[in-house]
Amino acid sequence: MNGLLMLIPLALALGLIGLGAFLWALKSGQFDDLDGAAHRILFDDDDGPKA
């Protein structure tokens, strides 16, 4: 029983931290361009190595 008194608030706190991180990522635009990186890898760079 004593273990539950510690684990339940800990689980709730971790869940709130995860929710906060997800909302922060949404607010900062982390999920705006999901296809950009997938398409960017297909384009060749025309720039040669710089000396």
Protein backbone atom coordinates (compact mmCIF):
# COMPACT_ATOMS: atom_id res chain seq x y z
CA MET A 1 0.00 0.00 0.00
CA ASN A 2 2.83 2.39 0.78
CA GLY A 3 4.31 1.70 -2.63
CA LEU A 4 1.10 2.82 -4.34
CA LEU A 5 1.12 6.07 -2.40
CA MET A 6 4.45 6.84 -4.03
CA LEU A 7 3.93 5.31 -7.48
CA ILE A 8 0.57 6.90 -8.35
CA PRO A 9 1.76 10.52 -7.93
CA LEU A 10 5.01 9.63 -9.69
CA ALA A 11 3.10 8.19 -12.67
CA LEU A 12 0.83 11.24 -12.80
CA ALA A 13 3.82 13.58 -12.67
CA LEU A 14 5.60 11.73 -15.48
CA GLY A 15 2.42 11.79 -17.55
CA LEU A 16 2.05 15.53 -17.06
CA ILE A 17 5.70 16.08 -18.00
CA GLY A 18 5.19 14.05 -21.19
CA LEU A 19 2.03 15.97 -22.02
CA GLY A 20 3.83 19.25 -21.41
CA ALA A 21 6.70 18.22 -23.70
CA PHE A 22 4.24 17.23 -26.42
CA LEU A 23 2.34 20.51 -26.16
CA TRP A 24 5.61 22.45 -26.21
CA ALA A 25 6.64 20.59 -29.38
CA LEU A 26 3.30 21.43 -31.01
CA LYS A 27 3.59 25.08 -30.03
CA SER A 28 7.17 25.43 -31.27
CA GLY A 29 6.35 23.99 -34.71
CA GLN A 30 8.14 20.64 -34.49
CA PHE A 31 5.38 18.90 -36.47
CA ASP A 32 4.75 21.54 -39.16
CA ASP A 33 6.67 19.96 -42.05
CA LEU A 34 6.53 16.18 -41.83
CA ASP A 35 7.35 15.53 -45.51
CA GLY A 36 10.16 18.06 -45.94
CA ALA A 37 12.98 15.84 -44.70
CA ALA A 38 11.68 12.88 -46.70
CA HIS A 39 11.75 14.90 -49.93
CA ARG A 40 14.98 16.74 -49.15
CA ILE A 41 16.99 13.50 -49.13
CA LEU A 42 16.04 12.86 -52.76
CA PHE A 43 17.59 16.08 -54.07
CA ASP A 44 21.26 16.11 -55.00
CA ASP A 45 23.45 18.92 -53.82
CA ASP A 46 24.98 20.69 -56.81
CA ASP A 47 27.72 22.19 -54.67
CA GLY A 48 31.02 20.37 -54.90
CA PRO A 49 33.39 19.96 -52.01
CA LYS A 50 34.83 23.28 -50.92
CA ALA A 51 38.57 23.55 -50.76
